[in-house]
């Protein structure tokens, strides 16, 4: 769906403040003849952008203020089928904030989040995809700080473990049993 000037104005204003009211948006979104849009017109545009999966309004989380840490895992997979298996297994993992196919030496990148560096190390060594079938090479990079974006779309506090997807069963994990890890569904 191509975006017109009105869609772009709405997206820009919602980027600045996703909680902006329809009334306020209608005062700031201008048609080509410099007239303002009605709030009903703005609502229809927002619904259309959401229906087209161009816009999703949600609460994102500032990990810096929670003192959480992040790392990136670069993975070179053996073949396309194994790559798809990893994508399927980790696409709903609450620790994963980025999952993308890339080109070059590696063909997959995961951005992961944890309450501290020890949790990230445990995830990488036990729960993460680096020890799964089909991986040829991996590289881990810990971040000192994520500068942009300041807020990430994370589903950290659902209380629902996704261990059925990644096949890492928390009740079999020594860190979980020793209470050194509360599981991915319990941030």
N, C-alpha and C. Protein backbone atom coordinates (compact mmCIF):
# COMPACT_ATOMS: atom_id res chain seq x y z
N UNK A 1 0.85 -1.17 0.00
CA UNK A 1 0.00 0.00 0.00
C UNK A 1 0.90 1.24 0.00
N UNK A 2 0.78 2.08 -1.00
CA UNK A 2 1.56 3.32 -1.00
C UNK A 2 1.00 4.32 0.04
N UNK A 3 1.91 5.02 0.69
CA UNK A 3 1.51 6.01 1.69
C UNK A 3 1.39 7.38 1.04
N UNK A 4 0.32 8.10 1.39
CA UNK A 4 0.20 9.47 0.91
C UNK A 4 0.66 10.43 2.01
N UNK A 5 0.57 11.71 1.76
CA UNK A 5 1.05 12.73 2.69
C UNK A 5 0.30 12.68 4.02
N UNK A 6 -0.98 12.37 3.98
CA UNK A 6 -1.76 12.30 5.22
C UNK A 6 -1.30 11.12 6.07
N UNK A 7 -1.11 9.95 5.44
CA UNK A 7 -0.61 8.78 6.17
C UNK A 7 0.74 9.08 6.81
N UNK A 8 1.60 9.73 6.08
CA UNK A 8 2.94 10.05 6.60
C UNK A 8 2.87 11.00 7.79
N UNK A 9 1.97 11.97 7.73
CA UNK A 9 1.81 12.90 8.85
C UNK A 9 1.32 12.15 10.09
N UNK A 10 0.34 11.27 9.89
CA UNK A 10 -0.20 10.50 11.01
C UNK A 10 0.89 9.63 11.63
N UNK A 11 1.64 8.93 10.80
CA UNK A 11 2.71 8.06 11.30
C UNK A 11 3.78 8.86 12.05
N UNK A 12 4.13 10.02 11.53
CA UNK A 12 5.13 10.86 12.20
C UNK A 12 4.64 11.31 13.57
N UNK A 13 3.39 11.76 13.64
CA UNK A 13 2.84 12.23 14.92
C UNK A 13 2.70 11.08 15.93
N UNK A 14 2.29 9.92 15.46
CA UNK A 14 2.17 8.77 16.36
C UNK A 14 3.54 8.25 16.79
N UNK A 15 4.54 8.39 15.94
CA UNK A 15 5.90 8.02 16.34
C UNK A 15 6.36 8.90 17.50
N UNK A 16 6.05 10.17 17.42
CA UNK A 16 6.44 11.11 18.47
C UNK A 16 5.66 10.86 19.76
N UNK A 17 4.37 10.49 19.63
CA UNK A 17 3.54 10.21 20.80
C UNK A 17 2.42 9.25 20.39
N UNK A 18 2.60 7.98 20.66
CA UNK A 18 1.62 6.97 20.29
C UNK A 18 0.31 7.09 21.02
N UNK A 19 0.25 7.90 22.07
CA UNK A 19 -0.98 8.09 22.84
C UNK A 19 -1.71 9.36 22.44
N UNK A 20 -1.27 9.99 21.39
CA UNK A 20 -1.91 11.23 20.92
C UNK A 20 -3.39 10.99 20.65
N UNK A 21 -4.24 11.88 21.09
CA UNK A 21 -5.68 11.71 20.90
C UNK A 21 -6.06 12.00 19.44
N UNK A 22 -7.20 11.44 19.04
CA UNK A 22 -7.68 11.69 17.68
C UNK A 22 -7.98 13.17 17.47
N UNK A 23 -8.49 13.82 18.50
CA UNK A 23 -8.78 15.26 18.41
C UNK A 23 -7.50 16.05 18.17
N UNK A 24 -6.44 15.72 18.91
CA UNK A 24 -5.17 16.41 18.73
C UNK A 24 -4.57 16.13 17.36
N UNK A 25 -4.64 14.86 16.93
CA UNK A 25 -4.13 14.52 15.60
C UNK A 25 -4.88 15.29 14.52
N UNK A 26 -6.20 15.42 14.69
CA UNK A 26 -6.99 16.10 13.66
C UNK A 26 -6.60 17.57 13.53
N UNK A 27 -6.08 18.17 14.57
CA UNK A 27 -5.63 19.56 14.50
C UNK A 27 -4.28 19.71 13.80
N UNK A 28 -3.50 18.62 13.76
CA UNK A 28 -2.13 18.70 13.24
C UNK A 28 -1.92 18.02 11.89
N UNK A 29 -2.91 17.27 11.42
CA UNK A 29 -2.80 16.61 10.12
C UNK A 29 -3.51 17.48 9.10
N UNK A 30 -2.74 17.91 8.10
CA UNK A 30 -3.30 18.84 7.11
C UNK A 30 -3.47 18.17 5.76
N UNK A 31 -4.61 18.44 5.13
CA UNK A 31 -4.85 17.99 3.76
C UNK A 31 -4.02 18.86 2.82
N UNK A 32 -4.02 18.51 1.54
CA UNK A 32 -3.22 19.27 0.58
C UNK A 32 -3.67 20.73 0.46
N UNK A 33 -4.95 20.99 0.75
CA UNK A 33 -5.45 22.37 0.69
C UNK A 33 -5.27 23.09 2.03
N UNK A 34 -4.45 22.51 2.93
CA UNK A 34 -4.11 23.07 4.24
C UNK A 34 -5.27 23.04 5.25
N UNK A 35 -6.36 22.35 4.92
CA UNK A 35 -7.44 22.16 5.88
C UNK A 35 -7.08 21.01 6.81
N UNK A 36 -7.60 21.04 8.03
CA UNK A 36 -7.34 19.95 8.97
C UNK A 36 -8.28 18.78 8.69
N UNK A 37 -7.88 17.62 9.13
CA UNK A 37 -8.68 16.40 8.99
C UNK A 37 -9.64 16.29 10.17
N UNK A 38 -10.75 15.63 9.97
CA UNK A 38 -11.66 15.36 11.09
C UNK A 38 -11.10 14.20 11.90
N UNK A 39 -11.49 14.11 13.17
CA UNK A 39 -10.98 12.99 13.98
C UNK A 39 -11.54 11.66 13.47
N UNK A 40 -12.74 11.67 12.86
CA UNK A 40 -13.28 10.44 12.27
C UNK A 40 -12.44 10.01 11.07
N UNK A 41 -11.99 10.99 10.28
CA UNK A 41 -11.12 10.70 9.14
C UNK A 41 -9.77 10.15 9.59
N UNK A 42 -9.24 10.70 10.66
CA UNK A 42 -7.98 10.23 11.23
C UNK A 42 -8.16 8.78 11.71
N UNK A 43 -9.27 8.51 12.40
CA UNK A 43 -9.52 7.16 12.92
C UNK A 43 -9.59 6.14 11.78
N UNK A 44 -10.22 6.50 10.68
CA UNK A 44 -10.31 5.60 9.52
C UNK A 44 -8.93 5.34 8.94
N UNK A 45 -8.13 6.39 8.86
CA UNK A 45 -6.76 6.23 8.33
C UNK A 45 -5.94 5.32 9.23
N UNK A 46 -6.03 5.51 10.53
CA UNK A 46 -5.28 4.68 11.48
C UNK A 46 -5.74 3.22 11.35
N UNK A 47 -7.03 3.00 11.28
CA UNK A 47 -7.54 1.63 11.13
C UNK A 47 -7.03 0.99 9.84
N UNK A 48 -7.00 1.75 8.77
CA UNK A 48 -6.50 1.23 7.50
C UNK A 48 -5.02 0.88 7.61
N UNK A 49 -4.23 1.75 8.24
CA UNK A 49 -2.80 1.47 8.42
C UNK A 49 -2.59 0.23 9.28
N UNK A 50 -3.42 0.05 10.29
CA UNK A 50 -3.33 -1.15 11.14
C UNK A 50 -3.75 -2.39 10.36
N UNK A 51 -4.83 -2.29 9.59
CA UNK A 51 -5.29 -3.43 8.78
C UNK A 51 -4.25 -3.87 7.76
N UNK A 52 -3.51 -2.91 7.22
CA UNK A 52 -2.46 -3.21 6.23
C UNK A 52 -1.15 -3.63 6.89
N UNK A 53 -1.15 -3.70 8.23
CA UNK A 53 0.03 -4.08 9.02
C UNK A 53 1.22 -3.14 8.77
N UNK A 54 0.90 -1.87 8.59
CA UNK A 54 1.92 -0.82 8.48
C UNK A 54 2.13 -0.16 9.84
N UNK A 55 1.09 -0.16 10.65
CA UNK A 55 1.12 0.50 11.95
C UNK A 55 0.62 -0.47 13.02
N UNK A 56 1.33 -0.47 14.14
CA UNK A 56 0.86 -1.16 15.34
C UNK A 56 1.17 -0.26 16.51
N UNK A 57 0.15 0.11 17.23
CA UNK A 57 0.33 0.95 18.40
C UNK A 57 0.44 0.03 19.60
N UNK A 58 1.54 0.15 20.34
CA UNK A 58 1.78 -0.73 21.48
C UNK A 58 2.66 -0.04 22.49
N UNK A 59 2.72 -0.61 23.66
CA UNK A 59 3.62 -0.11 24.70
C UNK A 59 4.97 -0.78 24.55
N UNK A 60 6.00 0.00 24.28
CA UNK A 60 7.36 -0.52 24.17
C UNK A 60 8.11 -0.23 25.47
N UNK A 61 9.19 -0.96 25.68
CA UNK A 61 9.88 -0.95 26.97
C UNK A 61 11.29 -0.37 26.82
N UNK A 62 11.63 0.54 27.72
CA UNK A 62 12.98 1.11 27.78
C UNK A 62 13.87 0.24 28.64
N UNK A 63 14.69 -0.59 28.00
CA UNK A 63 15.50 -1.55 28.77
C UNK A 63 16.60 -0.86 29.58
N UNK A 64 17.05 0.29 29.12
CA UNK A 64 18.11 1.00 29.85
C UNK A 64 17.64 1.35 31.26
N UNK A 65 16.42 1.83 31.38
CA UNK A 65 15.90 2.23 32.69
C UNK A 65 15.54 1.04 33.57
N UNK A 66 15.44 -0.15 32.99
CA UNK A 66 15.23 -1.36 33.77
C UNK A 66 16.56 -2.03 34.12
N UNK A 67 17.65 -1.47 33.60
CA UNK A 67 18.99 -2.03 33.78
C UNK A 67 19.11 -3.43 33.16
N UNK A 68 18.39 -3.66 32.08
CA UNK A 68 18.50 -4.92 31.35
C UNK A 68 19.64 -4.81 30.35
N UNK A 69 20.12 -5.95 29.91
CA UNK A 69 21.23 -6.02 28.98
C UNK A 69 20.79 -6.69 27.70
N UNK A 70 21.54 -6.44 26.63
CA UNK A 70 21.22 -7.03 25.33
C UNK A 70 22.47 -7.62 24.72
N UNK A 71 22.24 -8.54 23.82
CA UNK A 71 23.33 -9.14 23.05
C UNK A 71 22.78 -9.51 21.68
N UNK A 72 23.67 -9.64 20.73
CA UNK A 72 23.31 -10.07 19.39
C UNK A 72 24.02 -11.38 19.10
N UNK A 73 23.30 -12.30 18.52
CA UNK A 73 23.86 -13.59 18.12
C UNK A 73 23.80 -13.67 16.60
N UNK A 74 24.96 -13.81 15.98
CA UNK A 74 25.04 -14.01 14.53
C UNK A 74 25.23 -15.49 14.28
N UNK A 75 24.46 -16.04 13.37
CA UNK A 75 24.48 -17.49 13.15
C UNK A 75 24.62 -17.80 11.66
N UNK A 76 25.51 -18.75 11.37
CA UNK A 76 25.61 -19.30 10.02
C UNK A 76 24.99 -20.69 10.06
N UNK A 77 23.96 -20.87 9.26
CA UNK A 77 23.22 -22.13 9.25
C UNK A 77 23.70 -23.03 8.12
N UNK A 78 23.52 -24.32 8.32
CA UNK A 78 23.93 -25.34 7.35
C UNK A 78 23.11 -25.26 6.07
N UNK A 79 21.79 -25.09 6.21
CA UNK A 79 20.93 -25.02 5.03
C UNK A 79 19.65 -24.25 5.35
N UNK A 80 18.86 -24.04 4.33
CA UNK A 80 17.65 -23.23 4.47
C UNK A 80 16.63 -23.88 5.41
N UNK A 81 16.46 -25.19 5.36
CA UNK A 81 15.50 -25.86 6.24
C UNK A 81 15.86 -25.69 7.71
N UNK A 82 17.13 -25.82 8.03
CA UNK A 82 17.58 -25.63 9.41
C UNK A 82 17.38 -24.17 9.84
N UNK A 83 17.61 -23.25 8.93
CA UNK A 83 17.37 -21.83 9.20
C UNK A 83 15.91 -21.60 9.55
N UNK A 84 15.01 -22.16 8.78
CA UNK A 84 13.58 -22.01 9.04
C UNK A 84 13.18 -22.63 10.38
N UNK A 85 13.81 -23.74 10.75
CA UNK A 85 13.54 -24.36 12.05
C UNK A 85 13.90 -23.43 13.21
N UNK A 86 15.05 -22.77 13.09
CA UNK A 86 15.47 -21.82 14.14
C UNK A 86 14.52 -20.63 14.19
N UNK A 87 14.15 -20.10 13.03
CA UNK A 87 13.22 -18.97 12.99
C UNK A 87 11.91 -19.35 13.65
N UNK A 88 11.38 -20.51 13.33
CA UNK A 88 10.11 -20.96 13.92
C UNK A 88 10.25 -21.16 15.43
N UNK A 89 11.35 -21.74 15.86
CA UNK A 89 11.55 -22.03 17.27
C UNK A 89 11.70 -20.78 18.12
N UNK A 90 12.30 -19.72 17.59
CA UNK A 90 12.62 -18.54 18.39
C UNK A 90 11.80 -17.30 18.04
N UNK A 91 10.86 -17.41 17.13
CA UNK A 91 10.09 -16.23 16.72
C UNK A 91 9.19 -15.70 17.82
N UNK A 92 8.83 -16.52 18.80
CA UNK A 92 7.97 -16.07 19.89
C UNK A 92 8.69 -16.06 21.24
N UNK A 93 9.99 -16.24 21.22
CA UNK A 93 10.75 -16.25 22.46
C UNK A 93 10.69 -14.87 23.11
N UNK A 94 10.30 -14.77 24.38
CA UNK A 94 10.21 -13.47 25.03
C UNK A 94 11.54 -12.74 25.15
N UNK A 95 12.65 -13.45 25.07
CA UNK A 95 13.96 -12.81 25.16
C UNK A 95 14.41 -12.22 23.82
N UNK A 96 13.82 -12.65 22.73
CA UNK A 96 14.26 -12.22 21.39
C UNK A 96 13.52 -10.95 20.99
N UNK A 97 14.27 -9.86 20.76
CA UNK A 97 13.65 -8.63 20.28
C UNK A 97 13.95 -8.38 18.81
N UNK A 98 14.87 -9.14 18.23
CA UNK A 98 15.19 -9.01 16.81
C UNK A 98 15.50 -10.40 16.27
N UNK A 99 14.89 -10.73 15.17
CA UNK A 99 15.15 -11.99 14.48
C UNK A 99 15.06 -11.68 13.00
N UNK A 100 16.20 -11.73 12.32
CA UNK A 100 16.22 -11.33 10.92
C UNK A 100 17.20 -12.18 10.12
N UNK A 101 16.80 -12.49 8.90
CA UNK A 101 17.72 -13.12 7.97
C UNK A 101 18.63 -12.04 7.41
N UNK A 102 19.91 -12.36 7.29
CA UNK A 102 20.88 -11.40 6.78
C UNK A 102 21.75 -12.10 5.73
N UNK A 103 22.50 -11.32 4.98
CA UNK A 103 23.40 -11.88 3.99
C UNK A 103 24.83 -11.65 4.43
N UNK A 104 25.72 -12.42 3.89
CA UNK A 104 27.13 -12.32 4.25
C UNK A 104 27.58 -13.62 4.87
N UNK A 105 28.57 -13.55 5.73
CA UNK A 105 29.10 -14.75 6.38
C UNK A 105 28.02 -15.44 7.21
N UNK A 106 27.19 -14.66 7.88
CA UNK A 106 26.11 -15.21 8.70
C UNK A 106 24.79 -15.01 7.97
N UNK A 107 23.81 -15.87 8.26
CA UNK A 107 22.53 -15.69 7.59
C UNK A 107 21.36 -15.48 8.54
N UNK A 108 21.64 -15.32 9.84
CA UNK A 108 20.59 -15.04 10.80
C UNK A 108 21.17 -14.22 11.94
N UNK A 109 20.39 -13.26 12.41
CA UNK A 109 20.80 -12.47 13.58
C UNK A 109 19.65 -12.46 14.57
N UNK A 110 19.99 -12.66 15.83
CA UNK A 110 19.03 -12.56 16.92
C UNK A 110 19.51 -11.48 17.88
N UNK A 111 18.61 -10.62 18.29
CA UNK A 111 18.85 -9.69 19.38
C UNK A 111 18.15 -10.25 20.59
N UNK A 112 18.86 -10.39 21.69
CA UNK A 112 18.26 -10.98 22.89
C UNK A 112 18.41 -10.04 24.08
N UNK A 113 17.55 -10.21 25.05
CA UNK A 113 17.49 -9.34 26.21
C UNK A 113 17.56 -10.19 27.48
N UNK A 114 18.18 -9.66 28.52
CA UNK A 114 18.25 -10.38 29.79
C UNK A 114 18.39 -9.42 30.96
N UNK A 115 18.03 -9.90 32.13
CA UNK A 115 18.09 -9.07 33.33
C UNK A 115 19.51 -8.75 33.75
N UNK A 116 20.45 -9.60 33.36
CA UNK A 116 21.86 -9.34 33.66
C UNK A 116 22.71 -10.17 32.71
N UNK A 117 24.00 -9.97 32.76
CA UNK A 117 24.92 -10.65 31.84
C UNK A 117 24.92 -12.15 32.10
N UNK A 118 24.78 -12.57 33.37
CA UNK A 118 24.74 -14.01 33.67
C UNK A 118 23.55 -14.69 32.99
N UNK A 119 22.40 -14.03 33.01
CA UNK A 119 21.22 -14.59 32.35
C UNK A 119 21.47 -14.71 30.85
N UNK A 120 22.09 -13.69 30.27
CA UNK A 120 22.41 -13.75 28.83
C UNK A 120 23.38 -14.90 28.53
N UNK A 121 24.39 -15.06 29.38
CA UNK A 121 25.34 -16.17 29.18
C UNK A 121 24.62 -17.52 29.25
N UNK A 122 23.74 -17.68 30.25
CA UNK A 122 23.00 -18.94 30.37
C UNK A 122 22.12 -19.17 29.14
N UNK A 123 21.46 -18.11 28.68
CA UNK A 123 20.60 -18.23 27.50
C UNK A 123 21.44 -18.68 26.30
N UNK A 124 22.56 -18.02 26.10
CA UNK A 124 23.42 -18.35 24.96
C UNK A 124 23.93 -19.78 25.06
N UNK A 125 24.35 -20.20 26.23
CA UNK A 125 24.95 -21.52 26.40
C UNK A 125 23.96 -22.67 26.49
N UNK A 126 22.75 -22.40 26.98
CA UNK A 126 21.81 -23.50 27.20
C UNK A 126 20.50 -23.36 26.42
N UNK A 127 19.89 -22.19 26.45
CA UNK A 127 18.55 -22.03 25.89
C UNK A 127 18.54 -21.48 24.47
N UNK A 128 19.53 -20.71 24.12
CA UNK A 128 19.56 -20.06 22.82
C UNK A 128 19.84 -21.02 21.69
N UNK A 129 19.79 -20.51 20.49
CA UNK A 129 19.92 -21.37 19.31
C UNK A 129 21.34 -21.80 18.96
N UNK A 130 22.34 -21.32 19.69
CA UNK A 130 23.73 -21.61 19.29
C UNK A 130 24.11 -23.07 19.40
N UNK A 131 23.33 -23.85 20.14
CA UNK A 131 23.66 -25.28 20.27
C UNK A 131 22.64 -26.17 19.55
N UNK A 132 21.90 -25.59 18.62
CA UNK A 132 20.87 -26.35 17.90
C UNK A 132 21.43 -26.99 16.63
N UNK A 133 20.70 -27.95 16.13
CA UNK A 133 21.06 -28.68 14.92
C UNK A 133 21.14 -27.74 13.72
N UNK A 134 22.18 -27.93 12.91
CA UNK A 134 22.31 -27.18 11.66
C UNK A 134 23.14 -25.92 11.74
N UNK A 135 23.68 -25.61 12.90
CA UNK A 135 24.48 -24.39 13.05
C UNK A 135 25.94 -24.71 12.74
N UNK A 136 26.49 -23.95 11.80
CA UNK A 136 27.90 -24.13 11.45
C UNK A 136 28.80 -23.26 12.31
N UNK A 137 28.43 -21.98 12.45
CA UNK A 137 29.23 -21.03 13.23
C UNK A 137 28.27 -20.03 13.89
N UNK A 138 28.72 -19.49 14.99
CA UNK A 138 27.96 -18.40 15.61
C UNK A 138 28.94 -17.43 16.26
N UNK A 139 28.47 -16.21 16.42
CA UNK A 139 29.27 -15.18 17.09
C UNK A 139 28.32 -14.38 17.97
N UNK A 140 28.76 -14.07 19.17
CA UNK A 140 27.95 -13.32 20.12
C UNK A 140 28.60 -11.98 20.37
N UNK A 141 27.79 -10.93 20.36
CA UNK A 141 28.26 -9.58 20.68
C UNK A 141 27.37 -9.01 21.78
N UNK A 142 27.96 -8.70 22.92
CA UNK A 142 27.23 -8.06 24.01
C UNK A 142 27.22 -6.55 23.75
N UNK A 143 26.10 -5.92 24.02
CA UNK A 143 26.03 -4.47 23.83
C UNK A 143 26.34 -3.77 25.15
N UNK A 144 26.91 -2.60 25.03
CA UNK A 144 27.07 -1.78 26.22
C UNK A 144 25.81 -0.95 26.44
N UNK A 145 25.18 -0.55 25.34
CA UNK A 145 23.94 0.23 25.42
C UNK A 145 23.29 0.26 24.05
N UNK A 146 21.98 0.10 24.03
CA UNK A 146 21.23 0.32 22.78
C UNK A 146 20.83 1.78 22.77
N UNK A 147 21.31 2.51 21.78
CA UNK A 147 21.08 3.95 21.72
C UNK A 147 19.76 4.26 21.00
N UNK A 148 19.56 3.66 19.85
CA UNK A 148 18.33 3.84 19.09
C UNK A 148 17.88 2.47 18.64
N UNK A 149 16.66 2.09 18.86
CA UNK A 149 15.59 2.83 19.54
C UNK A 149 15.73 2.73 21.06
N UNK A 150 15.18 3.73 21.74
CA UNK A 150 15.23 3.74 23.19
C UNK A 150 14.23 2.77 23.79
N UNK A 151 13.17 2.47 23.05
CA UNK A 151 12.11 1.59 23.53
C UNK A 151 11.96 0.43 22.55
N UNK A 152 11.87 -0.78 23.10
CA UNK A 152 11.79 -1.98 22.27
C UNK A 152 10.43 -2.67 22.45
N UNK A 153 9.93 -3.26 21.38
CA UNK A 153 8.67 -4.01 21.49
C UNK A 153 8.93 -5.39 22.10
N UNK A 154 8.82 -5.47 23.40
CA UNK A 154 9.13 -6.70 24.12
C UNK A 154 7.89 -7.23 24.84
N UNK A 155 7.75 -8.54 24.88
CA UNK A 155 6.66 -9.17 25.62
C UNK A 155 7.27 -9.92 26.80
N UNK A 156 7.87 -9.17 27.69
CA UNK A 156 8.65 -9.76 28.79
C UNK A 156 7.80 -10.28 29.94
N UNK A 157 6.67 -9.69 30.17
CA UNK A 157 5.96 -9.94 31.41
C UNK A 157 4.68 -10.75 31.21
N UNK A 158 4.67 -11.60 30.21
CA UNK A 158 3.48 -12.40 29.93
C UNK A 158 3.32 -13.53 30.94
N UNK A 159 4.43 -13.97 31.53
CA UNK A 159 4.38 -15.10 32.45
C UNK A 159 4.21 -16.43 31.73
N UNK A 160 4.21 -16.39 30.41
CA UNK A 160 4.01 -17.61 29.61
C UNK A 160 5.33 -18.01 28.98
N UNK A 161 5.77 -19.19 29.32
CA UNK A 161 7.00 -19.71 28.73
C UNK A 161 6.71 -20.23 27.33
N UNK A 162 7.63 -20.06 26.44
CA UNK A 162 7.50 -20.55 25.06
C UNK A 162 8.43 -21.74 24.85
N UNK A 163 8.73 -22.46 25.92
CA UNK A 163 9.70 -23.55 25.82
C UNK A 163 9.23 -24.67 24.90
N UNK A 164 7.93 -24.74 24.63
CA UNK A 164 7.44 -25.75 23.70
C UNK A 164 7.91 -25.47 22.28
N UNK A 165 8.23 -24.21 21.98
CA UNK A 165 8.71 -23.82 20.65
C UNK A 165 10.19 -24.14 20.47
N UNK A 166 11.01 -23.76 21.46
CA UNK A 166 12.47 -23.90 21.32
C UNK A 166 12.97 -25.26 21.81
N UNK A 167 12.13 -26.01 22.47
CA UNK A 167 12.42 -27.34 23.03
C UNK A 167 13.41 -27.31 24.18
N UNK A 168 13.63 -26.15 24.77
CA UNK A 168 14.46 -26.05 25.98
C UNK A 168 13.51 -26.10 27.17
N UNK A 169 13.48 -27.18 27.88
CA UNK A 169 12.53 -27.37 28.95
C UNK A 169 13.11 -26.87 30.27
N UNK A 170 12.50 -25.83 30.82
CA UNK A 170 13.02 -25.20 32.03
C UNK A 170 13.14 -26.18 33.20
N UNK A 171 12.17 -27.08 33.35
CA UNK A 171 12.20 -27.98 34.51
C UNK A 171 13.36 -28.98 34.43
N UNK A 172 14.03 -29.05 33.29
CA UNK A 172 15.22 -29.90 33.15
C UNK A 172 16.52 -29.10 33.24
N UNK A 173 16.42 -27.80 33.43
CA UNK A 173 17.58 -26.91 33.38
C UNK A 173 18.15 -26.72 34.79
N UNK A 174 19.46 -26.93 34.93
CA UNK A 174 20.11 -26.79 36.24
C UNK A 174 19.99 -25.37 36.78
N UNK A 175 20.12 -24.36 35.94
CA UNK A 175 20.01 -22.97 36.39
C UNK A 175 18.60 -22.68 36.91
N UNK A 176 17.60 -23.21 36.24
CA UNK A 176 16.22 -23.03 36.68
C UNK A 176 16.00 -23.74 38.01
N UNK A 177 16.48 -24.96 38.13
CA UNK A 177 16.29 -25.74 39.35
C UNK A 177 17.06 -25.15 40.53
N UNK A 178 18.22 -24.51 40.26
CA UNK A 178 19.01 -23.86 41.31
C UNK A 178 18.55 -22.44 41.60
N UNK A 179 17.44 -22.03 40.95
CA UNK A 179 16.85 -20.69 41.10
C UNK A 179 17.80 -19.58 40.65
N UNK A 180 18.72 -19.90 39.72
CA UNK A 180 19.58 -18.89 39.13
C UNK A 180 18.92 -18.27 37.90
N UNK A 181 17.86 -18.89 37.44
CA UNK A 181 17.10 -18.41 36.29
C UNK A 181 15.62 -18.67 36.56
N UNK A 182 14.78 -17.68 36.30
CA UNK A 182 13.36 -17.86 36.56
C UNK A 182 12.60 -18.30 35.31
N UNK A 183 13.32 -18.58 34.23
CA UNK A 183 12.66 -19.02 32.99
C UNK A 183 12.33 -17.83 32.11
N UNK A 184 12.20 -18.09 30.83
CA UNK A 184 11.99 -17.01 29.88
C UNK A 184 10.63 -16.35 30.01
N UNK A 185 9.65 -17.00 30.56
CA UNK A 185 8.34 -16.40 30.69
C UNK A 185 8.16 -15.62 31.97
N UNK A 186 9.21 -15.48 32.78
CA UNK A 186 9.10 -14.84 34.10
C UNK A 186 10.20 -13.81 34.32
N UNK A 187 10.10 -12.69 33.66
CA UNK A 187 11.11 -11.64 33.84
C UNK A 187 10.96 -10.97 35.17
